[in-house]
Amino acid sequence: MTNHTTSSLRANRHRVERRLEQADFVLTAMQRGAVLHLQFTQHGPHWTLTGGGRVADDVAQLVIASASVASVGDALFGECLAQSWRWWNA
């Protein structure tokens, strides 16, 4: 069992809050019309917003898990992630 110190808990909370703020920024941009794009490179997934803004992989995973975001359906194979994600308005 790991014993956390106050400084390690504070750092962890700060990291989580920063990820959530970045995800909220991306969702707001998508709500205004931006599209989240995924490109696979030899170094791993590369996420960008329309206009060139880079999005971290862990933040993009939070964004695409949102019920307000839908894939465009442009995956190369059926079991792969789509390459474009848009804001979905019910």
Protein backbone atom coordinates (compact mmCIF):
# COMPACT_ATOMS: atom_id res chain seq x y z
CA MET A 1 0.00 0.00 0.00
CA THR A 2 1.34 3.40 -0.98
CA ASN A 3 1.38 6.23 1.53
CA HIS A 4 0.86 9.52 -0.24
CA THR A 5 2.29 12.75 1.07
CA THR A 6 0.46 16.04 0.90
CA SER A 7 2.80 17.26 -1.83
CA SER A 8 2.27 14.14 -3.98
CA LEU A 9 -1.51 14.43 -3.57
CA ARG A 10 -1.35 18.12 -4.45
CA ALA A 11 0.72 17.39 -7.57
CA ASN A 12 -1.65 14.63 -8.64
CA ARG A 13 -4.70 16.87 -8.13
CA HIS A 14 -3.00 19.65 -10.13
CA ARG A 15 -2.25 17.23 -12.98
CA VAL A 16 -5.87 16.01 -13.08
CA GLU A 17 -7.26 19.55 -12.95
CA ARG A 18 -4.96 20.62 -15.80
CA ARG A 19 -6.14 17.68 -17.95
CA LEU A 20 -9.78 18.53 -17.24
CA GLU A 21 -9.21 22.21 -18.10
CA GLN A 22 -7.56 21.24 -21.38
CA ALA A 23 -10.41 18.85 -22.19
CA ASP A 24 -12.93 21.60 -21.45
CA PHE A 25 -11.02 23.96 -23.77
CA VAL A 26 -11.11 21.37 -26.58
CA LEU A 27 -14.83 20.68 -26.03
CA THR A 28 -15.58 24.40 -26.16
CA ALA A 29 -13.62 24.75 -29.40
CA MET A 30 -15.46 21.76 -30.87
CA GLN A 31 -18.80 23.22 -29.83
CA ARG A 32 -17.85 26.31 -31.85
CA GLY A 33 -17.14 24.20 -34.94
CA ALA A 34 -13.60 22.86 -34.59
CA VAL A 35 -12.92 19.24 -35.54
CA LEU A 36 -10.61 16.91 -33.61
CA HIS A 37 -8.34 14.95 -35.97
CA LEU A 38 -6.33 11.81 -35.25
CA GLN A 39 -3.26 10.85 -37.23
CA PHE A 40 -1.21 7.76 -36.46
CA THR A 41 2.55 8.31 -36.67
CA GLN A 42 5.48 6.06 -35.91
CA HIS A 43 5.67 7.74 -32.49
CA GLY A 44 2.02 7.05 -31.66
CA PRO A 45 -1.27 8.92 -32.04
CA HIS A 46 -1.10 12.62 -32.96
CA TRP A 47 -4.25 14.60 -32.15
CA THR A 48 -4.91 18.09 -33.52
CA LEU A 49 -7.78 20.53 -33.60
CA THR A 50 -8.82 22.32 -36.76
CA GLY A 51 -6.46 25.25 -37.03
CA GLY A 52 -3.39 23.30 -35.94
CA GLY A 53 -3.71 23.15 -32.15
CA ARG A 54 -2.05 20.03 -30.75
CA VAL A 55 -4.03 17.98 -28.21
CA ALA A 56 -2.38 15.51 -25.83
CA ASP A 57 -3.43 11.88 -26.19
CA ASP A 58 -4.81 11.59 -22.64
CA VAL A 59 -6.85 14.79 -23.10
CA ALA A 60 -8.19 13.57 -26.46
CA GLN A 61 -9.25 10.30 -24.83
CA LEU A 62 -11.28 12.30 -22.30
CA VAL A 63 -12.83 14.38 -25.08
CA ILE A 64 -13.91 11.47 -27.28
CA ALA A 65 -15.43 9.76 -24.22
CA SER A 66 -17.88 12.66 -23.95
CA ALA A 67 -21.46 11.97 -25.00
CA SER A 68 -21.41 15.27 -26.91
CA VAL A 69 -18.66 14.13 -29.28
CA ALA A 70 -19.23 11.73 -32.17
CA SER A 71 -16.88 10.13 -34.64
CA VAL A 72 -17.31 10.97 -38.28
CA GLY A 73 -16.76 7.30 -39.12
CA ASP A 74 -13.68 7.65 -41.30
CA ALA A 75 -11.65 4.78 -39.80
CA LEU A 76 -9.46 2.68 -42.06
CA PHE A 77 -10.57 -0.54 -40.39
CA GLY A 78 -13.79 -1.26 -38.50
CA GLU A 79 -12.17 -1.80 -35.10
CA CYS A 80 -9.93 1.29 -35.29
CA LEU A 81 -10.60 4.75 -33.92
CA ALA A 82 -12.06 7.23 -36.36
CA GLN A 83 -9.75 9.93 -37.69
CA SER A 84 -12.20 12.81 -37.23
CA TRP A 85 -14.42 13.71 -34.29
CA ARG A 86 -17.09 16.43 -34.19
CA TRP A 87 -19.37 18.05 -31.65
CA TRP A 88 -22.74 16.35 -31.73
CA ASN A 89 -25.82 18.40 -30.95
CA ALA A 90 -28.98 16.49 -30.02
